[in-house]
Amino acid sequence: CDYNERGPLIHLRREAAVKDFTRLYLIERNPKEAFDKWIPGRYTQQNPNVPPENQGRDITELQSTPGMTYWNISTFAGNGDQGAFGLFHFRRLVPGTEVTDFAIMDLLRFTGTCFTDHWDAKNQ
């Protein structure tokens, strides 16, 4: 990613960034590569339930859950009143847990083509 990216086609690069991050994170189950490529430094996790020291570790552990599946994956990038954002929404099945079926939405704020803030919401 590039924190300083600008120009008339930046919206296309941001759409590509969200799609690529989602592919790496959900389809290939490689959160480390997704984070290294699109969240290389300055990053604020806005979820108060995720301690700063856990931000990468819990994601890697979750992605290695046997039998976990994702479907209905969709992505979007656009501009809002507070800047440029990307989001991805998906359904997740986690076998062996009390509540197995979740609908999840992750919202990411862009600086250039890098993700610098993250919010999420989960429904069962």
N, C-alpha and C. Protein backbone atom coordinates (compact mmCIF):
# COMPACT_ATOMS: atom_id res chain seq x y z
N CYS A 1 0.84 -1.18 0.00
CA CYS A 1 0.00 0.00 0.00
C CYS A 1 0.89 1.24 0.00
N ASP A 2 0.25 2.36 -0.24
CA ASP A 2 0.97 3.63 -0.29
C ASP A 2 0.15 4.66 0.48
N TYR A 3 0.70 5.13 1.62
CA TYR A 3 0.01 6.13 2.43
C TYR A 3 -0.22 7.44 1.68
N ASN A 4 0.63 7.74 0.71
CA ASN A 4 0.57 9.02 0.01
C ASN A 4 -0.12 8.95 -1.35
N GLU A 5 -0.71 7.83 -1.68
CA GLU A 5 -1.37 7.67 -2.99
C GLU A 5 -2.48 8.70 -3.14
N ARG A 6 -2.53 9.33 -4.30
CA ARG A 6 -3.55 10.32 -4.65
C ARG A 6 -3.88 10.14 -6.13
N GLY A 7 -4.80 10.94 -6.60
CA GLY A 7 -5.07 10.97 -8.03
C GLY A 7 -6.47 10.56 -8.40
N PRO A 8 -6.82 10.75 -9.67
CA PRO A 8 -8.20 10.53 -10.12
C PRO A 8 -8.63 9.07 -10.10
N LEU A 9 -7.70 8.14 -10.08
CA LEU A 9 -8.06 6.71 -10.10
C LEU A 9 -7.89 6.03 -8.75
N ILE A 10 -7.72 6.82 -7.69
CA ILE A 10 -7.47 6.21 -6.38
C ILE A 10 -8.65 5.34 -5.93
N HIS A 11 -9.87 5.70 -6.31
CA HIS A 11 -11.03 4.89 -5.92
C HIS A 11 -10.92 3.46 -6.47
N LEU A 12 -10.36 3.31 -7.67
CA LEU A 12 -10.18 1.97 -8.24
C LEU A 12 -9.11 1.19 -7.48
N ARG A 13 -8.06 1.88 -7.07
CA ARG A 13 -7.01 1.22 -6.29
C ARG A 13 -7.51 0.82 -4.91
N ARG A 14 -8.39 1.64 -4.33
CA ARG A 14 -8.97 1.30 -3.02
C ARG A 14 -9.91 0.11 -3.14
N GLU A 15 -10.72 0.07 -4.19
CA GLU A 15 -11.58 -1.10 -4.41
C GLU A 15 -10.74 -2.35 -4.56
N ALA A 16 -9.65 -2.26 -5.31
CA ALA A 16 -8.75 -3.40 -5.49
C ALA A 16 -8.11 -3.79 -4.16
N ALA A 17 -7.78 -2.81 -3.33
CA ALA A 17 -7.17 -3.10 -2.02
C ALA A 17 -8.12 -3.89 -1.13
N VAL A 18 -9.39 -3.46 -1.07
CA VAL A 18 -10.36 -4.18 -0.23
C VAL A 18 -10.55 -5.60 -0.74
N LYS A 19 -10.67 -5.77 -2.04
CA LYS A 19 -10.84 -7.11 -2.61
C LYS A 19 -9.63 -7.99 -2.33
N ASP A 20 -8.43 -7.43 -2.49
CA ASP A 20 -7.22 -8.22 -2.26
C ASP A 20 -7.06 -8.57 -0.78
N PHE A 21 -7.31 -7.61 0.11
CA PHE A 21 -7.24 -7.88 1.54
C PHE A 21 -8.21 -8.99 1.92
N THR A 22 -9.43 -8.90 1.42
CA THR A 22 -10.46 -9.90 1.72
C THR A 22 -10.06 -11.28 1.18
N ARG A 23 -9.52 -11.32 -0.03
CA ARG A 23 -9.06 -12.59 -0.61
C ARG A 23 -7.97 -13.21 0.25
N LEU A 24 -6.97 -12.42 0.62
CA LEU A 24 -5.88 -12.95 1.44
C LEU A 24 -6.38 -13.40 2.81
N TYR A 25 -7.22 -12.57 3.41
CA TYR A 25 -7.68 -12.81 4.78
C TYR A 25 -8.69 -13.97 4.87
N LEU A 26 -9.70 -13.96 4.02
CA LEU A 26 -10.78 -14.96 4.14
C LEU A 26 -10.58 -16.19 3.27
N ILE A 27 -10.24 -15.99 2.01
CA ILE A 27 -10.16 -17.11 1.07
C ILE A 27 -8.86 -17.89 1.26
N GLU A 28 -7.74 -17.18 1.26
CA GLU A 28 -6.46 -17.85 1.42
C GLU A 28 -6.09 -18.08 2.89
N ARG A 29 -6.84 -17.45 3.80
CA ARG A 29 -6.61 -17.59 5.25
C ARG A 29 -5.17 -17.26 5.63
N ASN A 30 -4.72 -16.15 5.11
CA ASN A 30 -3.37 -15.70 5.36
C ASN A 30 -3.41 -14.28 5.93
N PRO A 31 -3.87 -14.13 7.20
CA PRO A 31 -3.99 -12.78 7.75
C PRO A 31 -2.67 -12.04 7.85
N LYS A 32 -1.58 -12.76 8.06
CA LYS A 32 -0.28 -12.09 8.16
C LYS A 32 0.06 -11.38 6.86
N GLU A 33 -0.11 -12.07 5.73
CA GLU A 33 0.18 -11.43 4.44
C GLU A 33 -0.78 -10.27 4.18
N ALA A 34 -2.06 -10.46 4.52
CA ALA A 34 -3.04 -9.38 4.33
C ALA A 34 -2.66 -8.15 5.14
N PHE A 35 -2.28 -8.35 6.41
CA PHE A 35 -1.89 -7.23 7.26
C PHE A 35 -0.58 -6.61 6.78
N ASP A 36 0.41 -7.44 6.45
CA ASP A 36 1.70 -6.91 5.99
C ASP A 36 1.55 -6.08 4.72
N LYS A 37 0.65 -6.50 3.84
CA LYS A 37 0.49 -5.82 2.55
C LYS A 37 -0.35 -4.55 2.66
N TRP A 38 -1.43 -4.58 3.44
CA TRP A 38 -2.39 -3.48 3.44
C TRP A 38 -2.45 -2.70 4.75
N ILE A 39 -1.86 -3.22 5.82
CA ILE A 39 -1.83 -2.53 7.11
C ILE A 39 -0.38 -2.60 7.62
N PRO A 40 0.52 -1.90 6.95
CA PRO A 40 1.94 -2.09 7.24
C PRO A 40 2.46 -1.36 8.47
N GLY A 41 1.69 -0.49 9.06
CA GLY A 41 2.24 0.27 10.19
C GLY A 41 1.17 0.89 11.04
N ARG A 42 0.92 2.16 10.81
CA ARG A 42 -0.06 2.91 11.61
C ARG A 42 -1.45 2.28 11.47
N TYR A 43 -1.98 1.77 12.58
CA TYR A 43 -3.26 1.06 12.53
C TYR A 43 -3.93 1.17 13.89
N THR A 44 -5.20 1.53 13.92
CA THR A 44 -5.95 1.61 15.17
C THR A 44 -7.11 0.65 15.11
N GLN A 45 -7.12 -0.30 16.02
CA GLN A 45 -8.24 -1.24 16.17
C GLN A 45 -9.27 -0.55 17.05
N GLN A 46 -10.44 -0.24 16.50
CA GLN A 46 -11.47 0.50 17.22
C GLN A 46 -12.38 -0.40 18.06
N ASN A 47 -12.19 -1.71 18.00
CA ASN A 47 -12.98 -2.64 18.80
C ASN A 47 -12.42 -2.65 20.22
N PRO A 48 -13.18 -2.18 21.21
CA PRO A 48 -12.66 -2.13 22.58
C PRO A 48 -12.45 -3.51 23.20
N ASN A 49 -12.99 -4.56 22.58
CA ASN A 49 -12.82 -5.91 23.11
C ASN A 49 -11.54 -6.59 22.65
N VAL A 50 -10.76 -5.92 21.80
CA VAL A 50 -9.51 -6.50 21.30
C VAL A 50 -8.35 -5.70 21.87
N PRO A 51 -7.63 -6.27 22.85
CA PRO A 51 -6.48 -5.55 23.41
C PRO A 51 -5.40 -5.34 22.36
N PRO A 52 -4.68 -4.21 22.41
CA PRO A 52 -3.67 -3.90 21.39
C PRO A 52 -2.65 -5.01 21.18
N GLU A 53 -2.25 -5.68 22.23
CA GLU A 53 -1.23 -6.73 22.08
C GLU A 53 -1.79 -7.98 21.41
N ASN A 54 -3.09 -8.09 21.25
CA ASN A 54 -3.73 -9.28 20.67
C ASN A 54 -4.13 -9.11 19.22
N GLN A 55 -4.00 -7.94 18.66
CA GLN A 55 -4.60 -7.63 17.36
C GLN A 55 -4.25 -8.62 16.27
N GLY A 56 -3.02 -9.03 16.14
CA GLY A 56 -2.66 -9.98 15.10
C GLY A 56 -2.79 -11.42 15.53
N ARG A 57 -2.48 -11.72 16.79
CA ARG A 57 -2.44 -13.10 17.26
C ARG A 57 -3.81 -13.76 17.22
N ASP A 58 -4.84 -13.10 17.70
CA ASP A 58 -6.16 -13.73 17.74
C ASP A 58 -6.70 -13.98 16.34
N ILE A 59 -6.35 -13.13 15.38
CA ILE A 59 -6.80 -13.33 14.00
C ILE A 59 -6.14 -14.56 13.41
N THR A 60 -4.84 -14.72 13.63
CA THR A 60 -4.12 -15.88 13.11
C THR A 60 -4.67 -17.16 13.72
N GLU A 61 -4.93 -17.15 15.03
CA GLU A 61 -5.49 -18.33 15.69
C GLU A 61 -6.88 -18.65 15.14
N LEU A 62 -7.71 -17.63 14.98
CA LEU A 62 -9.06 -17.84 14.46
C LEU A 62 -9.03 -18.44 13.06
N GLN A 63 -8.16 -17.93 12.21
CA GLN A 63 -8.10 -18.41 10.83
C GLN A 63 -7.62 -19.85 10.72
N SER A 64 -7.01 -20.39 11.76
CA SER A 64 -6.55 -21.78 11.72
C SER A 64 -7.57 -22.75 12.31
N THR A 65 -8.78 -22.28 12.64
CA THR A 65 -9.82 -23.14 13.19
C THR A 65 -10.25 -24.17 12.15
N PRO A 66 -10.12 -25.47 12.46
CA PRO A 66 -10.51 -26.51 11.50
C PRO A 66 -12.01 -26.44 11.17
N GLY A 67 -12.34 -26.56 9.91
CA GLY A 67 -13.73 -26.61 9.48
C GLY A 67 -14.42 -25.27 9.36
N MET A 68 -13.74 -24.18 9.69
CA MET A 68 -14.37 -22.87 9.59
C MET A 68 -14.55 -22.52 8.11
N THR A 69 -15.73 -22.01 7.76
CA THR A 69 -16.00 -21.65 6.37
C THR A 69 -16.58 -20.24 6.29
N TYR A 70 -16.38 -19.61 5.13
CA TYR A 70 -16.91 -18.28 4.84
C TYR A 70 -17.74 -18.36 3.57
N TRP A 71 -18.78 -17.55 3.50
CA TRP A 71 -19.58 -17.46 2.28
C TRP A 71 -20.31 -16.11 2.27
N ASN A 72 -20.99 -15.82 1.15
CA ASN A 72 -21.66 -14.53 0.95
C ASN A 72 -20.70 -13.36 1.19
N ILE A 73 -19.52 -13.46 0.63
CA ILE A 73 -18.50 -12.43 0.82
C ILE A 73 -18.75 -11.29 -0.17
N SER A 74 -18.81 -10.05 0.34
CA SER A 74 -18.94 -8.89 -0.53
C SER A 74 -18.01 -7.78 -0.04
N THR A 75 -17.57 -6.95 -0.97
CA THR A 75 -16.65 -5.86 -0.64
C THR A 75 -17.16 -4.56 -1.24
N PHE A 76 -16.70 -3.44 -0.68
CA PHE A 76 -17.10 -2.12 -1.15
C PHE A 76 -16.02 -1.12 -0.74
N ALA A 77 -15.80 -0.12 -1.54
CA ALA A 77 -14.93 1.01 -1.18
C ALA A 77 -15.60 2.29 -1.65
N GLY A 78 -15.52 3.33 -0.83
CA GLY A 78 -16.12 4.60 -1.20
C GLY A 78 -15.72 5.70 -0.24
N ASN A 79 -16.27 6.88 -0.47
CA ASN A 79 -15.98 8.04 0.36
C ASN A 79 -17.18 8.37 1.22
N GLY A 80 -16.90 8.86 2.43
CA GLY A 80 -17.94 9.29 3.34
C GLY A 80 -17.58 10.64 3.93
N ASP A 81 -18.38 11.11 4.86
CA ASP A 81 -18.13 12.40 5.49
C ASP A 81 -16.80 12.43 6.25
N GLN A 82 -16.37 11.28 6.73
CA GLN A 82 -15.15 11.20 7.55
C GLN A 82 -13.95 10.65 6.78
N GLY A 83 -14.01 10.62 5.46
CA GLY A 83 -12.88 10.13 4.67
C GLY A 83 -13.26 8.96 3.80
N ALA A 84 -12.24 8.23 3.36
CA ALA A 84 -12.44 7.08 2.47
C ALA A 84 -12.46 5.80 3.28
N PHE A 85 -13.38 4.89 2.92
CA PHE A 85 -13.54 3.65 3.66
C PHE A 85 -13.68 2.47 2.72
N GLY A 86 -13.31 1.31 3.22
CA GLY A 86 -13.58 0.05 2.56
C GLY A 86 -14.30 -0.84 3.55
N LEU A 87 -15.11 -1.74 3.05
CA LEU A 87 -15.73 -2.69 3.96
C LEU A 87 -15.85 -4.03 3.29
N PHE A 88 -15.85 -5.05 4.13
CA PHE A 88 -16.18 -6.38 3.63
C PHE A 88 -17.15 -7.02 4.60
N HIS A 89 -18.11 -7.74 4.03
CA HIS A 89 -19.19 -8.37 4.78
C HIS A 89 -19.21 -9.84 4.38
N PHE A 90 -19.45 -10.70 5.36
CA PHE A 90 -19.43 -12.13 5.06
C PHE A 90 -20.19 -12.90 6.13
N ARG A 91 -20.48 -14.14 5.82
CA ARG A 91 -21.03 -15.09 6.79
C ARG A 91 -19.92 -16.05 7.16
N ARG A 92 -19.90 -16.45 8.42
CA ARG A 92 -18.85 -17.36 8.90
C ARG A 92 -19.48 -18.47 9.72
N LEU A 93 -19.04 -19.68 9.47
CA LEU A 93 -19.45 -20.85 10.24
C LEU A 93 -18.25 -21.34 11.03
N VAL A 94 -18.38 -21.39 12.36
CA VAL A 94 -17.31 -21.86 13.23
C VAL A 94 -17.80 -23.12 13.93
N PRO A 95 -17.39 -24.29 13.45
CA PRO A 95 -17.84 -25.54 14.06
C PRO A 95 -17.34 -25.68 15.50
N GLY A 96 -18.15 -26.31 16.32
CA GLY A 96 -17.74 -26.61 17.68
C GLY A 96 -17.90 -25.48 18.67
N THR A 97 -18.52 -24.37 18.25
CA THR A 97 -18.78 -23.28 19.19
C THR A 97 -20.27 -23.22 19.49
N GLU A 98 -20.60 -22.56 20.58
CA GLU A 98 -22.00 -22.50 20.99
C GLU A 98 -22.88 -21.84 19.92
N VAL A 99 -22.43 -20.73 19.39
CA VAL A 99 -23.12 -20.06 18.29
C VAL A 99 -22.21 -20.21 17.08
N THR A 100 -22.66 -20.95 16.09
CA THR A 100 -21.76 -21.30 14.99
C THR A 100 -21.87 -20.38 13.78
N ASP A 101 -22.98 -19.71 13.58
CA ASP A 101 -23.23 -18.97 12.35
C ASP A 101 -23.24 -17.47 12.65
N PHE A 102 -22.33 -16.73 12.03
CA PHE A 102 -22.24 -15.29 12.25
C PHE A 102 -22.29 -14.54 10.93
N ALA A 103 -22.88 -13.35 10.94
CA ALA A 103 -22.74 -12.39 9.84
C ALA A 103 -21.83 -11.29 10.38
N ILE A 104 -20.78 -10.97 9.64
CA ILE A 104 -19.76 -10.05 10.12
C ILE A 104 -19.50 -8.97 9.08
N MET A 105 -19.28 -7.74 9.57
CA MET A 105 -18.92 -6.62 8.71
C MET A 105 -17.69 -5.96 9.31
N ASP A 106 -16.68 -5.76 8.47
CA ASP A 106 -15.47 -5.05 8.87
C ASP A 106 -15.39 -3.76 8.07
N LEU A 107 -15.20 -2.65 8.76
CA LEU A 107 -15.08 -1.34 8.13
C LEU A 107 -13.65 -0.86 8.34
N LEU A 108 -13.01 -0.44 7.25
CA LEU A 108 -11.61 -0.02 7.28
C LEU A 108 -11.48 1.38 6.72
N ARG A 109 -10.78 2.26 7.44
CA ARG A 109 -10.53 3.62 6.93
C ARG A 109 -9.22 3.63 6.16
N PHE A 110 -9.25 4.30 5.01
CA PHE A 110 -8.06 4.42 4.18
C PHE A 110 -7.27 5.68 4.51
N THR A 111 -5.96 5.57 4.42
CA THR A 111 -5.05 6.70 4.22
C THR A 111 -4.26 6.31 2.98
N GLY A 112 -4.46 7.03 1.89
CA GLY A 112 -3.92 6.59 0.60
C GLY A 112 -4.61 5.28 0.23
N THR A 113 -3.81 4.22 0.04
CA THR A 113 -4.38 2.89 -0.20
C THR A 113 -4.10 1.94 0.95
N CYS A 114 -3.70 2.48 2.11
CA CYS A 114 -3.43 1.67 3.31
C CYS A 114 -4.62 1.76 4.26
N PHE A 115 -4.87 0.70 5.00
CA PHE A 115 -5.90 0.71 6.03
C PHE A 115 -5.28 1.20 7.33
N THR A 116 -5.91 2.20 7.96
CA THR A 116 -5.35 2.78 9.17
C THR A 116 -6.27 2.69 10.38
N ASP A 117 -7.54 2.39 10.19
CA ASP A 117 -8.49 2.20 11.29
C ASP A 117 -9.40 1.03 10.95
N HIS A 118 -9.88 0.36 11.99
CA HIS A 118 -10.74 -0.81 11.79
C HIS A 118 -11.86 -0.84 12.83
N TRP A 119 -13.08 -1.04 12.35
CA TRP A 119 -14.25 -1.28 13.20
C TRP A 119 -14.89 -2.57 12.72
N ASP A 120 -15.59 -3.26 13.58
CA ASP A 120 -16.29 -4.45 13.13
C ASP A 120 -17.60 -4.62 13.88
N ALA A 121 -18.49 -5.36 13.26
CA ALA A 121 -19.78 -5.69 13.86
C ALA A 121 -20.08 -7.14 13.55
N LYS A 122 -20.71 -7.82 14.52
CA LYS A 122 -20.99 -9.25 14.34
C LYS A 122 -22.41 -9.54 14.83
N ASN A 123 -23.17 -10.27 14.03
CA ASN A 123 -24.51 -10.73 14.40
C ASN A 123 -24.56 -12.24 14.29
N GLN A 124 -25.39 -12.84 15.11
CA GLN A 124 -25.57 -14.29 15.00
C GLN A 124 -26.97 -14.58 14.52
